PDB file of N, CA and C in Angstrom:
ATOM      1  N   VAL A   1     -78.753 -87.969  41.047  1.00  0.00           N
ATOM      2  CA  VAL A   1     -78.590 -89.301  40.523  1.00  0.00           C
ATOM      3  C   VAL A   1     -77.665 -89.297  39.318  1.00  0.00           C
ATOM      4  N   ILE A   2     -77.942 -88.415  38.412  1.00  0.00           N
ATOM      5  CA  ILE A   2     -77.094 -88.328  37.232  1.00  0.00           C
ATOM      6  C   ILE A   2     -75.901 -87.479  37.623  1.00  0.00           C
ATOM      7  N   MET A   3     -74.806 -88.154  37.934  1.00  0.00           N
ATOM      8  CA  MET A   3     -73.667 -87.470  38.522  1.00  0.00           C
ATOM      9  C   MET A   3     -73.006 -86.497  37.566  1.00  0.00           C
ATOM     10  N   LEU A   4     -73.005 -86.792  36.316  1.00  0.00           N
ATOM     11  CA  LEU A   4     -72.340 -85.930  35.346  1.00  0.00           C
ATOM     12  C   LEU A   4     -73.384 -85.336  34.412  1.00  0.00           C
ATOM     13  N   HIS A   5     -74.147 -84.390  34.935  1.00  0.00           N
ATOM     14  CA  HIS A   5     -75.247 -83.797  34.184  1.00  0.00           C
ATOM     15  C   HIS A   5     -74.812 -83.232  32.839  1.00  0.00           C
ATOM     16  N   SER A   6     -73.647 -82.655  32.802  1.00  0.00           N
ATOM     17  CA  SER A   6     -73.219 -81.966  31.592  1.00  0.00           C
ATOM     18  C   SER A   6     -72.944 -82.901  30.422  1.00  0.00           C
ATOM     19  N   ILE A   7     -72.607 -84.146  30.685  1.00  0.00           N
ATOM     20  CA  ILE A   7     -72.306 -85.052  29.573  1.00  0.00           C
ATOM     21  C   ILE A   7     -73.353 -86.149  29.397  1.00  0.00           C
ATOM     22  N   PHE A   8     -74.392 -86.146  30.225  1.00  0.00           N
ATOM     23  CA  PHE A   8     -75.406 -87.192  30.134  1.00  0.00           C
ATOM     24  C   PHE A   8     -76.036 -87.244  28.744  1.00  0.00           C
ATOM     25  N   ALA A   9     -76.469 -86.094  28.249  1.00  0.00           N
ATOM     26  CA  ALA A   9     -77.132 -86.059  26.941  1.00  0.00           C
ATOM     27  C   ALA A   9     -76.182 -86.473  25.819  1.00  0.00           C
ATOM     28  N   ASP A  10     -74.941 -86.023  25.894  1.00  0.00           N
ATOM     29  CA  ASP A  10     -73.969 -86.421  24.866  1.00  0.00           C
ATOM     30  C   ASP A  10     -73.720 -87.929  24.906  1.00  0.00           C
ATOM     31  N   TYR A  11     -73.588 -88.457  26.105  1.00  0.00           N
ATOM     32  CA  TYR A  11     -73.322 -89.890  26.259  1.00  0.00           C
ATOM     33  C   TYR A  11     -74.480 -90.723  25.707  1.00  0.00           C
ATOM     34  N   THR A  12     -75.708 -90.400  26.125  1.00  0.00           N
ATOM     35  CA  THR A  12     -76.851 -91.204  25.685  1.00  0.00           C
ATOM     36  C   THR A  12     -77.149 -90.996  24.204  1.00  0.00           C
ATOM     37  N   SER A  13     -76.874 -89.813  23.690  1.00  0.00           N
ATOM     38  CA  SER A  13     -77.071 -89.583  22.250  1.00  0.00           C
ATOM     39  C   SER A  13     -76.099 -90.427  21.438  1.00  0.00           C
ATOM     40  N   THR A  14     -74.862 -90.475  21.887  1.00  0.00           N
ATOM     41  CA  THR A  14     -73.843 -91.231  21.161  1.00  0.00           C
ATOM     42  C   THR A  14     -74.038 -92.733  21.331  1.00  0.00           C
ATOM     43  N   LYS A  15     -74.213 -93.178  22.569  1.00  0.00           N
ATOM     44  CA  LYS A  15     -74.254 -94.613  22.839  1.00  0.00           C
ATOM     45  C   LYS A  15     -75.594 -95.246  22.509  1.00  0.00           C
ATOM     46  N   LEU A  16     -76.700 -94.547  22.845  1.00  0.00           N
ATOM     47  CA  LEU A  16     -78.024 -95.136  22.681  1.00  0.00           C
ATOM     48  C   LEU A  16     -78.843 -94.508  21.565  1.00  0.00           C
ATOM     49  N   GLY A  17     -78.345 -93.431  20.961  1.00  0.00           N
ATOM     50  CA  GLY A  17     -79.066 -92.780  19.876  1.00  0.00           C
ATOM     51  C   GLY A  17     -80.268 -91.974  20.336  1.00  0.00           C
ATOM     52  N   TRP A  18     -80.260 -91.494  21.571  1.00  0.00           N
ATOM     53  CA  TRP A  18     -81.401 -90.746  22.099  1.00  0.00           C
ATOM     54  C   TRP A  18     -81.380 -89.312  21.600  1.00  0.00           C
ATOM     55  N   ASP A  19     -82.587 -88.764  21.407  1.00  0.00           N
ATOM     56  CA  ASP A  19     -82.716 -87.355  21.067  1.00  0.00           C
ATOM     57  C   ASP A  19     -82.994 -86.547  22.338  1.00  0.00           C
ATOM     58  N   ALA A  20     -83.242 -85.250  22.175  1.00  0.00           N
ATOM     59  CA  ALA A  20     -83.450 -84.374  23.340  1.00  0.00           C
ATOM     60  C   ALA A  20     -84.669 -84.810  24.149  1.00  0.00           C
ATOM     61  N   ARG A  21     -85.722 -85.240  23.491  1.00  0.00           N
ATOM     62  CA  ARG A  21     -86.934 -85.665  24.194  1.00  0.00           C
ATOM     63  C   ARG A  21     -86.660 -86.907  25.045  1.00  0.00           C
ATOM     64  N   SER A  22     -85.979 -87.891  24.487  1.00  0.00           N
ATOM     65  CA  SER A  22     -85.649 -89.107  25.236  1.00  0.00           C
ATOM     66  C   SER A  22     -84.757 -88.794  26.433  1.00  0.00           C
ATOM     67  N   ASN A  23     -83.797 -87.905  26.235  1.00  0.00           N
ATOM     68  CA  ASN A  23     -82.934 -87.500  27.341  1.00  0.00           C
ATOM     69  C   ASN A  23     -83.731 -86.790  28.429  1.00  0.00           C
ATOM     70  N   GLY A  24     -84.676 -85.971  28.038  1.00  0.00           N
ATOM     71  CA  GLY A  24     -85.526 -85.287  29.015  1.00  0.00           C
ATOM     72  C   GLY A  24     -86.345 -86.271  29.830  1.00  0.00           C
ATOM     73  N   PHE A  25     -86.925 -87.260  29.161  1.00  0.00           N
ATOM     74  CA  PHE A  25     -87.692 -88.281  29.889  1.00  0.00           C
ATOM     75  C   PHE A  25     -86.791 -89.078  30.828  1.00  0.00           C
ATOM     76  N   ALA A  26     -85.596 -89.405  30.377  1.00  0.00           N
ATOM     77  CA  ALA A  26     -84.669 -90.164  31.225  1.00  0.00           C
ATOM     78  C   ALA A  26     -84.260 -89.354  32.447  1.00  0.00           C
ATOM     79  N   MET A  27     -84.003 -88.070  32.264  1.00  0.00           N
ATOM     80  CA  MET A  27     -83.637 -87.232  33.403  1.00  0.00           C
ATOM     81  C   MET A  27     -84.814 -87.061  34.359  1.00  0.00           C
ATOM     82  N   GLY A  28     -86.015 -86.929  33.814  1.00  0.00           N
ATOM     83  CA  GLY A  28     -87.203 -86.837  34.657  1.00  0.00           C
ATOM     84  C   GLY A  28     -87.437 -88.119  35.443  1.00  0.00           C
ATOM     85  N   ALA A  29     -87.299 -89.262  34.779  1.00  0.00           N
ATOM     86  CA  ALA A  29     -87.454 -90.548  35.460  1.00  0.00           C
ATOM     87  C   ALA A  29     -86.387 -90.722  36.531  1.00  0.00           C
ATOM     88  N   SER A  30     -85.190 -90.281  36.235  1.00  0.00           N
ATOM     89  CA  SER A  30     -84.105 -90.370  37.198  1.00  0.00           C
ATOM     90  C   SER A  30     -84.397 -89.511  38.429  1.00  0.00           C
ATOM     91  N   GLY A  31     -84.931 -88.320  38.216  1.00  0.00           N
ATOM     92  CA  GLY A  31     -85.291 -87.450  39.333  1.00  0.00           C
ATOM     93  C   GLY A  31     -86.399 -88.040  40.187  1.00  0.00           C
ATOM     94  N   LEU A  32     -87.427 -88.586  39.546  1.00  0.00           N
ATOM     95  CA  LEU A  32     -88.512 -89.234  40.295  1.00  0.00           C
ATOM     96  C   LEU A  32     -88.008 -90.436  41.074  1.00  0.00           C
ATOM     97  N   LEU A  33     -87.125 -91.186  40.466  1.00  0.00           N
ATOM     98  CA  LEU A  33     -86.537 -92.334  41.143  1.00  0.00           C
ATOM     99  C   LEU A  33     -85.750 -91.889  42.370  1.00  0.00           C
ATOM    100  N   SER A  34     -85.015 -90.819  42.227  1.00  0.00           N
ATOM    101  CA  SER A  34     -84.230 -90.303  43.338  1.00  0.00           C
ATOM    102  C   SER A  34     -85.121 -89.857  44.499  1.00  0.00           C
ATOM    103  N   VAL A  35     -86.192 -89.177  44.190  1.00  0.00           N
ATOM    104  CA  VAL A  35     -87.135 -88.739  45.233  1.00  0.00           C
ATOM    105  C   VAL A  35     -87.760 -89.950  45.912  1.00  0.00           C
ATOM    106  N   GLY A  36     -88.170 -90.938  45.126  1.00  0.00           N
ATOM    107  CA  GLY A  36     -88.760 -92.151  45.699  1.00  0.00           C
ATOM    108  C   GLY A  36     -87.800 -92.888  46.611  1.00  0.00           C
ATOM    109  N   VAL A  37     -86.567 -92.984  46.189  1.00  0.00           N
ATOM    110  CA  VAL A  37     -85.551 -93.653  47.016  1.00  0.00           C
ATOM    111  C   VAL A  37     -85.358 -92.893  48.323  1.00  0.00           C
ATOM    112  N   ASP A  38     -85.232 -91.567  48.234  1.00  0.00           N
ATOM    113  CA  ASP A  38     -84.987 -90.761  49.427  1.00  0.00           C
ATOM    114  C   ASP A  38     -86.157 -90.784  50.406  1.00  0.00           C
ATOM    115  N   LEU A  39     -87.371 -90.750  49.907  1.00  0.00           N
ATOM    116  CA  LEU A  39     -88.535 -90.644  50.784  1.00  0.00           C
ATOM    117  C   LEU A  39     -89.096 -91.976  51.252  1.00  0.00           C
ATOM    118  N   VAL A  40     -88.955 -93.018  50.449  1.00  0.00           N
ATOM    119  CA  VAL A  40     -89.593 -94.292  50.772  1.00  0.00           C
ATOM    120  C   VAL A  40     -88.591 -95.364  51.180  1.00  0.00           C
ATOM    121  N   LEU A  41     -87.618 -95.600  50.350  1.00  0.00           N
ATOM    122  CA  LEU A  41     -86.735 -96.738  50.553  1.00  0.00           C
ATOM    123  C   LEU A  41     -85.677 -96.516  51.626  1.00  0.00           C
ATOM    124  N   LEU A  42     -85.040 -95.361  51.622  1.00  0.00           N
ATOM    125  CA  LEU A  42     -83.962 -95.118  52.590  1.00  0.00           C
ATOM    126  C   LEU A  42     -84.406 -95.203  54.047  1.00  0.00           C
ATOM    127  N   PRO A  43     -85.522 -94.594  54.421  1.00  0.00           N
ATOM    128  CA  PRO A  43     -85.924 -94.716  55.826  1.00  0.00           C
ATOM    129  C   PRO A  43     -86.157 -96.171  56.246  1.00  0.00           C
ATOM    130  N   GLN A  44     -86.702 -96.967  55.347  1.00  0.00           N
ATOM    131  CA  GLN A  44     -86.937 -98.374  55.664  1.00  0.00           C
ATOM    132  C   GLN A  44     -85.634 -99.141  55.807  1.00  0.00           C
ATOM    133  N   LEU A  45     -84.704 -98.908  54.902  1.00  0.00           N
ATOM    134  CA  LEU A  45     -83.403 -99.584  54.979  1.00  0.00           C
ATOM    135  C   LEU A  45     -82.660 -99.198  56.241  1.00  0.00           C
ATOM    136  N   HIS A  46     -82.692 -97.925  56.559  1.00  0.00           N
ATOM    137  CA  HIS A  46     -81.959 -97.452  57.730  1.00  0.00           C
ATOM    138  C   HIS A  46     -82.565 -98.002  59.021  1.00  0.00           C
ATOM    139  N   LYS A  47     -83.872 -97.989  59.104  1.00  0.00           N
ATOM    140  CA  LYS A  47     -84.546 -98.412  60.326  1.00  0.00           C
ATOM    141  C   LYS A  47     -84.462 -99.917  60.547  1.00  0.00           C
ATOM    142  N   ARG A  48     -84.698-100.674  59.504  1.00  0.00           N
ATOM    143  CA  ARG A  48     -84.883-102.112  59.671  1.00  0.00           C
ATOM    144  C   ARG A  48     -83.656-102.958  59.379  1.00  0.00           C
ATOM    145  N   LEU A  49     -82.873-102.565  58.418  1.00  0.00           N
ATOM    146  CA  LEU A  49     -81.835-103.482  57.950  1.00  0.00           C
ATOM    147  C   LEU A  49     -80.413-103.059  58.267  1.00  0.00           C
ATOM    148  N   LEU A  50     -80.113-101.806  58.071  1.00  0.00           N
ATOM    149  CA  LEU A  50     -78.717-101.393  58.083  1.00  0.00           C
ATOM    150  C   LEU A  50     -78.497-100.223  59.034  1.00  0.00           C
ATOM    151  N   GLY A  51     -77.274-100.072  59.484  1.00  0.00           N
ATOM    152  CA  GLY A  51     -76.864 -98.871  60.195  1.00  0.00           C
ATOM    153  C   GLY A  51     -76.104 -97.975  59.237  1.00  0.00           C
ATOM    154  N   GLU A  52     -75.570 -96.874  59.751  1.00  0.00           N
ATOM    155  CA  GLU A  52     -74.881 -95.925  58.878  1.00  0.00           C
ATOM    156  C   GLU A  52     -73.635 -96.511  58.208  1.00  0.00           C
ATOM    157  N   VAL A  53     -72.842 -97.246  58.973  1.00  0.00           N
ATOM    158  CA  VAL A  53     -71.594 -97.777  58.403  1.00  0.00           C
ATOM    159  C   VAL A  53     -71.894 -98.758  57.277  1.00  0.00           C
ATOM    160  N   ASN A  54     -72.845 -99.650  57.488  1.00  0.00           N
ATOM    161  CA  ASN A  54     -73.208-100.599  56.429  1.00  0.00           C
ATOM    162  C   ASN A  54     -73.822 -99.895  55.229  1.00  0.00           C
ATOM    163  N   MET A  55     -74.603 -98.841  55.485  1.00  0.00           N
ATOM    164  CA  MET A  55     -75.198 -98.112  54.364  1.00  0.00           C
ATOM    165  C   MET A  55     -74.127 -97.399  53.533  1.00  0.00           C
ATOM    166  N   VAL A  56     -73.088 -96.893  54.170  1.00  0.00           N
ATOM    167  CA  VAL A  56     -71.986 -96.273  53.411  1.00  0.00           C
ATOM    168  C   VAL A  56     -71.320 -97.321  52.526  1.00  0.00           C
ATOM    169  N   PHE A  57     -71.046 -98.487  53.094  1.00  0.00           N
ATOM    170  CA  PHE A  57     -70.396 -99.549  52.326  1.00  0.00           C
ATOM    171  C   PHE A  57     -71.273-100.033  51.172  1.00  0.00           C
ATOM    172  N   PHE A  58     -72.521-100.399  51.482  1.00  0.00           N
ATOM    173  CA  PHE A  58     -73.403-100.909  50.437  1.00  0.00           C
ATOM    174  C   PHE A  58     -73.752 -99.830  49.417  1.00  0.00           C
ATOM    175  N   GLY A  59     -73.889 -98.590  49.866  1.00  0.00           N
ATOM    176  CA  GLY A  59     -74.195 -97.498  48.948  1.00  0.00           C
ATOM    177  C   GLY A  59     -73.078 -97.261  47.948  1.00  0.00           C
ATOM    178  N   SER A  60     -71.845 -97.263  48.434  1.00  0.00           N
ATOM    179  CA  SER A  60     -70.722 -97.059  47.513  1.00  0.00           C
ATOM    180  C   SER A  60     -70.581 -98.242  46.560  1.00  0.00           C
ATOM    181  N   THR A  61     -70.841 -99.439  47.056  1.00  0.00           N
ATOM    182  CA  THR A  61     -70.777-100.626  46.192  1.00  0.00           C
ATOM    183  C   THR A  61     -71.859-100.583  45.119  1.00  0.00           C
ATOM    184  N   LEU A  62     -73.081-100.209  45.504  1.00  0.00           N
ATOM    185  CA  LEU A  62     -74.165-100.110  44.521  1.00  0.00           C
ATOM    186  C   LEU A  62     -73.891 -99.013  43.492  1.00  0.00           C
ATOM    187  N   SER A  63     -73.370 -97.880  43.944  1.00  0.00           N
ATOM    188  CA  SER A  63     -73.050 -96.794  43.005  1.00  0.00           C
ATOM    189  C   SER A  63     -72.005 -97.240  41.995  1.00  0.00           C
ATOM    190  N   ALA A  64     -70.963 -97.883  42.483  1.00  0.00           N
ATOM    191  CA  ALA A  64     -69.916 -98.365  41.579  1.00  0.00           C
ATOM    192  C   ALA A  64     -70.470 -99.400  40.605  1.00  0.00           C
ATOM    193  N   SER A  65     -71.316-100.296  41.100  1.00  0.00           N
ATOM    194  CA  SER A  65     -71.924-101.306  40.228  1.00  0.00           C
ATOM    195  C   SER A  65     -72.814-100.653  39.174  1.00  0.00           C
ATOM    196  N   GLY A  66     -73.573 -99.655  39.584  1.00  0.00           N
ATOM    197  CA  GLY A  66     -74.442 -98.952  38.647  1.00  0.00           C
ATOM    198  C   GLY A  66     -73.666 -98.209  37.578  1.00  0.00           C
ATOM    199  N   LEU A  67     -72.576 -97.557  37.976  1.00  0.00           N
ATOM    200  CA  LEU A  67     -71.758 -96.852  36.996  1.00  0.00           C
ATOM    201  C   LEU A  67     -71.093 -97.818  36.012  1.00  0.00           C
ATOM    202  N   LEU A  68     -70.652 -98.962  36.522  1.00  0.00           N
ATOM    203  CA  LEU A  68     -70.080 -99.973  35.637  1.00  0.00           C
ATOM    204  C   LEU A  68     -71.144-100.526  34.686  1.00  0.00           C
ATOM    205  N   ALA A  69     -72.338-100.782  35.229  1.00  0.00           N
ATOM    206  CA  ALA A  69     -73.429-101.290  34.386  1.00  0.00           C
ATOM    207  C   ALA A  69     -73.826-100.265  33.325  1.00  0.00           C
ATOM    208  N   ALA A  70     -73.825 -98.982  33.683  1.00  0.00           N
ATOM    209  CA  ALA A  70     -74.149 -97.941  32.694  1.00  0.00           C
ATOM    210  C   ALA A  70     -73.108 -97.913  31.582  1.00  0.00           C
ATOM    211  N   ALA A  71     -71.861 -98.119  31.945  1.00  0.00           N
ATOM    212  CA  ALA A  71     -70.787 -98.086  30.940  1.00  0.00           C
ATOM    213  C   ALA A  71     -70.868 -99.252  29.972  1.00  0.00           C
ATOM    214  N   ILE A  72     -71.309-100.413  30.453  1.00  0.00           N
ATOM    215  CA  ILE A  72     -71.311-101.592  29.580  1.00  0.00           C
ATOM    216  C   ILE A  72     -72.690-101.928  29.018  1.00  0.00           C
ATOM    217  N   SER A  73     -73.725-101.198  29.421  1.00  0.00           N
ATOM    218  CA  SER A  73     -75.066-101.513  28.927  1.00  0.00           C
ATOM    219  C   SER A  73     -75.170-101.187  27.442  1.00  0.00           C
ATOM    220  N   ALA A  74     -75.860-102.048  26.735  1.00  0.00           N
ATOM    221  CA  ALA A  74     -76.018-101.863  25.299  1.00  0.00           C
ATOM    222  C   ALA A  74     -77.436-101.448  24.932  1.00  0.00           C
ATOM    223  N   THR A  75     -78.350-101.505  25.885  1.00  0.00           N
ATOM    224  CA  THR A  75     -79.747-101.171  25.606  1.00  0.00           C
ATOM    225  C   THR A  75     -80.224-100.073  26.552  1.00  0.00           C
ATOM    226  N   ALA A  76     -81.324 -99.458  26.174  1.00  0.00           N
ATOM    227  CA  ALA A  76     -81.909 -98.414  27.020  1.00  0.00           C
ATOM    228  C   ALA A  76     -82.405 -98.996  28.332  1.00  0.00           C
ATOM    229  N   HIS A  77     -82.961-100.198  28.293  1.00  0.00           N
ATOM    230  CA  HIS A  77     -83.454-100.823  29.526  1.00  0.00           C
ATOM    231  C   HIS A  77     -82.306-101.106  30.500  1.00  0.00           C
ATOM    232  N   GLY A  78     -81.201-101.588  29.974  1.00  0.00           N
ATOM    233  CA  GLY A  78     -80.035-101.830  30.816  1.00  0.00           C
ATOM    234  C   GLY A  78     -79.491-100.541  31.405  1.00  0.00           C
ATOM    235  N   PHE A  79     -79.501 -99.487  30.599  1.00  0.00           N
ATOM    236  CA  PHE A  79     -79.020 -98.194  31.066  1.00  0.00           C
ATOM    237  C   PHE A  79     -79.917 -97.645  32.172  1.00  0.00           C
ATOM    238  N   MET A  80     -81.222 -97.766  32.014  1.00  0.00           N
ATOM    239  CA  MET A  80     -82.145 -97.273  33.046  1.00  0.00           C
ATOM    240  C   MET A  80     -82.031 -98.095  34.321  1.00  0.00           C
ATOM    241  N   LEU A  81     -81.801 -99.393  34.204  1.00  0.00           N
ATOM    242  CA  LEU A  81     -81.573-100.220  35.384  1.00  0.00           C
ATOM    243  C   LEU A  81     -80.282 -99.787  36.091  1.00  0.00           C
ATOM    244  N   ALA A  82     -79.273 -99.466  35.309  1.00  0.00           N
ATOM    245  CA  ALA A  82     -78.022 -98.978  35.887  1.00  0.00           C
ATOM    246  C   ALA A  82     -78.249 -97.655  36.620  1.00  0.00           C
ATOM    247  N   LEU A  83     -79.074 -96.770  36.062  1.00  0.00           N
ATOM    248  CA  LEU A  83     -79.398 -95.517  36.736  1.00  0.00           C
ATOM    249  C   LEU A  83     -80.108 -95.765  38.063  1.00  0.00           C
ATOM    250  N   ALA A  84     -80.944 -96.797  38.105  1.00  0.00           N
ATOM    251  CA  ALA A  84     -81.624 -97.135  39.354  1.00  0.00           C
ATOM    252  C   ALA A  84     -80.610 -97.558  40.415  1.00  0.00           C
ATOM    253  N   LEU A  85     -79.615 -98.333  40.022  1.00  0.00           N
ATOM    254  CA  LEU A  85     -78.569 -98.732  40.966  1.00  0.00           C
ATOM    255  C   LEU A  85     -77.777 -97.529  41.459  1.00  0.00           C
ATOM    256  N   VAL A  86     -77.466 -96.625  40.548  1.00  0.00           N
ATOM    257  CA  VAL A  86     -76.732 -95.422  40.934  1.00  0.00           C
ATOM    258  C   VAL A  86     -77.570 -94.566  41.874  1.00  0.00           C
ATOM    259  N   ALA A  87     -78.870 -94.451  41.584  1.00  0.00           N
ATOM    260  CA  ALA A  87     -79.759 -93.650  42.434  1.00  0.00           C
ATOM    261  C   ALA A  87     -79.810 -94.208  43.845  1.00  0.00           C
ATOM    262  N   LEU A  88     -80.018 -95.502  43.962  1.00  0.00           N
ATOM    263  CA  LEU A  88     -80.090 -96.123  45.278  1.00  0.00           C
ATOM    264  C   LEU A  88     -78.757 -96.034  45.996  1.00  0.00           C
ATOM    265  N   GLY A  89     -77.687 -96.364  45.306  1.00  0.00           N
ATOM    266  CA  GLY A  89     -76.373 -96.360  45.934  1.00  0.00           C
ATOM    267  C   GLY A  89     -75.924 -94.987  46.386  1.00  0.00           C
ATOM    268  N   SER A  90     -76.097 -93.987  45.538  1.00  0.00           N
ATOM    269  CA  SER A  90     -75.645 -92.647  45.928  1.00  0.00           C
ATOM    270  C   SER A  90     -76.500 -92.069  47.038  1.00  0.00           C
ATOM    271  N   ALA A  91     -77.791 -92.353  47.031  1.00  0.00           N
ATOM    272  CA  ALA A  91     -78.650 -91.873  48.114  1.00  0.00           C
ATOM    273  C   ALA A  91     -78.279 -92.543  49.437  1.00  0.00           C
ATOM    274  N   MET A  92     -78.021 -93.839  49.396  1.00  0.00           N
ATOM    275  CA  MET A  92     -77.604 -94.543  50.609  1.00  0.00           C
ATOM    276  C   MET A  92     -76.295 -93.980  51.135  1.00  0.00           C
ATOM    277  N   PHE A  93     -75.337 -93.805  50.245  1.00  0.00           N
ATOM    278  CA  PHE A  93     -74.019 -93.326  50.654  1.00  0.00           C
ATOM    279  C   PHE A  93     -74.088 -91.915  51.227  1.00  0.00           C
ATOM    280  N   LYS A  94     -74.739 -91.003  50.497  1.00  0.00           N
ATOM    281  CA  LYS A  94     -74.752 -89.601  50.923  1.00  0.00           C
ATOM    282  C   LYS A  94     -75.454 -89.419  52.265  1.00  0.00           C
ATOM    283  N   SER A  95     -76.599 -90.053  52.443  1.00  0.00           N
ATOM    284  CA  SER A  95     -77.327 -89.851  53.694  1.00  0.00           C
ATOM    285  C   SER A  95     -76.601 -90.482  54.874  1.00  0.00           C
ATOM    286  N   ALA A  96     -76.054 -91.664  54.688  1.00  0.00           N
ATOM    287  CA  ALA A  96     -75.357 -92.334  55.792  1.00  0.00           C
ATOM    288  C   ALA A  96     -74.043 -91.639  56.121  1.00  0.00           C
ATOM    289  N   ALA A  97     -73.311 -91.198  55.116  1.00  0.00           N
ATOM    290  CA  ALA A  97     -72.052 -90.492  55.369  1.00  0.00           C
ATOM    291  C   ALA A  97     -72.314 -89.179  56.100  1.00  0.00           C
ATOM    292  N   ALA A  98     -73.364 -88.465  55.707  1.00  0.00           N
ATOM    293  CA  ALA A  98     -73.706 -87.221  56.395  1.00  0.00           C
ATOM    294  C   ALA A  98     -74.070 -87.489  57.851  1.00  0.00           C
ATOM    295  N   ALA A  99     -74.833 -88.550  58.099  1.00  0.00           N
ATOM    296  CA  ALA A  99     -75.206 -88.890  59.476  1.00  0.00           C
ATOM    297  C   ALA A  99     -73.982 -89.258  60.302  1.00  0.00           C
ATOM    298  N   LEU A 100     -73.072 -90.014  59.731  1.00  0.00           N
ATOM    299  CA  LEU A 100     -71.854 -90.379  60.454  1.00  0.00           C
ATOM    300  C   LEU A 100     -71.026 -89.143  60.810  1.00  0.00           C
ATOM    301  N   ILE A 101     -70.895 -88.235  59.870  1.00  0.00           N
ATOM    302  CA  ILE A 101     -70.103 -87.029  60.114  1.00  0.00           C
ATOM    303  C   ILE A 101     -70.769 -86.153  61.166  1.00  0.00           C
ATOM    304  N   LEU A 102     -72.085 -85.988  61.061  1.00  0.00           N
ATOM    305  CA  LEU A 102     -72.784 -85.162  62.047  1.00  0.00           C
ATOM    306  C   LEU A 102     -72.722 -85.776  63.440  1.00  0.00           C
ATOM    307  N   ASN A 103     -72.864 -87.078  63.538  1.00  0.00           N
ATOM    308  CA  ASN A 103     -72.788 -87.741  64.841  1.00  0.00           C
ATOM    309  C   ASN A 103     -71.387 -87.625  65.432  1.00  0.00           C
ATOM    310  N   ALA A 104     -70.359 -87.781  64.613  1.00  0.00           N
ATOM    311  CA  ALA A 104     -68.989 -87.648  65.097  1.00  0.00           C
ATOM    312  C   ALA A 104     -68.722 -86.219  65.549  1.00  0.00           C
ATOM    313  N   SER A 105     -69.236 -85.262  64.822  1.00  0.00           N
ATOM    314  CA  SER A 105     -69.053 -83.859  65.181  1.00  0.00           C
ATOM    315  C   SER A 105     -69.761 -83.543  66.495  1.00  0.00           C
ATOM    316  N   ALA A 106     -70.958 -84.060  66.669  1.00  0.00           N
ATOM    317  CA  ALA A 106     -71.709 -83.820  67.904  1.00  0.00           C
ATOM    318  C   ALA A 106     -70.983 -84.429  69.097  1.00  0.00           C
ATOM    319  N   ARG A 107     -70.433 -85.624  68.934  1.00  0.00           N
ATOM    320  CA  ARG A 107     -69.689 -86.255  70.040  1.00  0.00           C
ATOM    321  C   ARG A 107     -68.438 -85.453  70.372  1.00  0.00           C
ATOM    322  N   GLU A 108     -67.797 -84.902  69.366  1.00  0.00           N
ATOM    323  CA  GLU A 108     -66.572 -84.127  69.561  1.00  0.00           C
ATOM    324  C   GLU A 108     -66.862 -82.845  70.328  1.00  0.00           C
ATOM    325  N   GLN A 109     -68.005 -82.242  70.087  1.00  0.00           N
ATOM    326  CA  GLN A 109     -68.368 -80.991  70.759  1.00  0.00           C
ATOM    327  C   GLN A 109     -68.744 -81.206  72.217  1.00  0.00           C
ATOM    328  N   VAL A 110     -69.214 -82.396  72.549  1.00  0.00           N
ATOM    329  CA  VAL A 110     -69.660 -82.694  73.912  1.00  0.00           C
ATOM    330  C   VAL A 110     -68.500 -83.042  74.815  1.00  0.00           C
ATOM    331  N   LYS A 111     -67.403 -83.546  74.281  1.00  0.00           N
ATOM    332  CA  LYS A 111     -66.258 -83.959  75.102  1.00  0.00           C
ATOM    333  C   LYS A 111     -65.696 -82.783  75.894  1.00  0.00           C
ATOM    334  N   PRO A 112     -65.446 -82.996  77.182  1.00  0.00           N
ATOM    335  CA  PRO A 112     -64.802 -81.930  77.972  1.00  0.00           C
ATOM    336  C   PRO A 112     -63.330 -81.816  77.572  1.00  0.00           C
ATOM    337  N   ARG A 113     -62.844 -80.621  77.566  1.00  0.00           N
ATOM    338  CA  ARG A 113     -61.434 -80.395  77.213  1.00  0.00           C
ATOM    339  C   ARG A 113     -60.570 -80.555  78.450  1.00  0.00           C
ATOM    340  N   SER A 114     -59.408 -81.148  78.270  1.00  0.00           N
ATOM    341  CA  SER A 114     -58.496 -81.373  79.395  1.00  0.00           C
ATOM    342  C   SER A 114     -57.483 -80.277  79.496  1.00  0.00           C
TER     343      SER A 114
END
């Protein structure tokens, strides 16, 4: 979820005034959010609402929106909401893109050669 792990603590310390403990809690919450999205939300979205192509589109849009929201957020609550958008968007994008690639590869292997 936190795409740039190496600068997360520096960014939040500078922008939000967080110390090491606050950064640790934020990273832990981000990890739990990521697990929840992967195990609970993604299967429901994939099964009921969206296919792989739509999930790639919506996932990339949500990730971009979350990153923009993180950049412009002025409060910790806004920043955590932005992380939630990034978590959902990146999980949607990664899982759907992987499924599309694997399905395309499987179809390519089945085709008879001329």
